[in-house]
């Protein structure tokens, strides 16, 4: 038995790619591919919904889907923790639906974000530089926002990072107190650097996406998780085991 999937935003870069992944998977079937002219009701024939629209559209997609008993895998950027908290509240009494937010479907990116959160406990000077293709409409990227929020949480009582001259526009946008600089350039797919400074040393965590092929494994992980998901989950790192030893049952 296959799981029926509706992709909202199916004509965009990621929507086309995810639609192809769904069609190629033996355990899923694509039953609806919605574009900007589609009615949201077209998703209702599916078992689960994938949202890869735009930040201004995504909340309406998630609200419509969950209110009609459909779980949603969200790959759209722009979901800060404050906005995610609103979804937690809205579906708190719904035991039949789940929403999984994945800012970046790359396993390498999930690992880099995990490493950044671990390193953030030891450095007070931290900045993020993220680059994406010229057509990406939002900035900072969802990956950068997620990385900054996790680093801020990991710091605990250490306090805010050092961000001198943060009032100057060229110093980037502060996300969870961490400066983020966004580039939108022709020729780039996705690239994020998290740079840590300390007396006498600099550590850089660098992740580059060279093609959309890097997203396939994470997309399938997300799709298989959303079938039985309840509540709200944020990040691919919550769906895979990133511990050094790995789970015993994965050996």
Foldseek 3Di string as FASTA:
>chain_A
DAFEEAEAQLPDPVNVVLQVLQVPDPRYDYDYYHYPPDDLCSGVVGQAYEYAHELVCVVVSCVVQVVSLHEYEYQYWDCAPVNLVVVLVVCVVPQRYEYEYALALFPLLQLLLVVLLVCLLPFQAKAKEKEAAQPRDDPPGRSVLSSLVSNLVSNPPVDAHDQPPPVDPVSADARSRHHYHYHHYHPAHIKMWMWGDDVPDIDIRIDGDPDCVSNSVSSVLSVVQRSNDGGYHYHSCVSAPPDPVGDPVVD
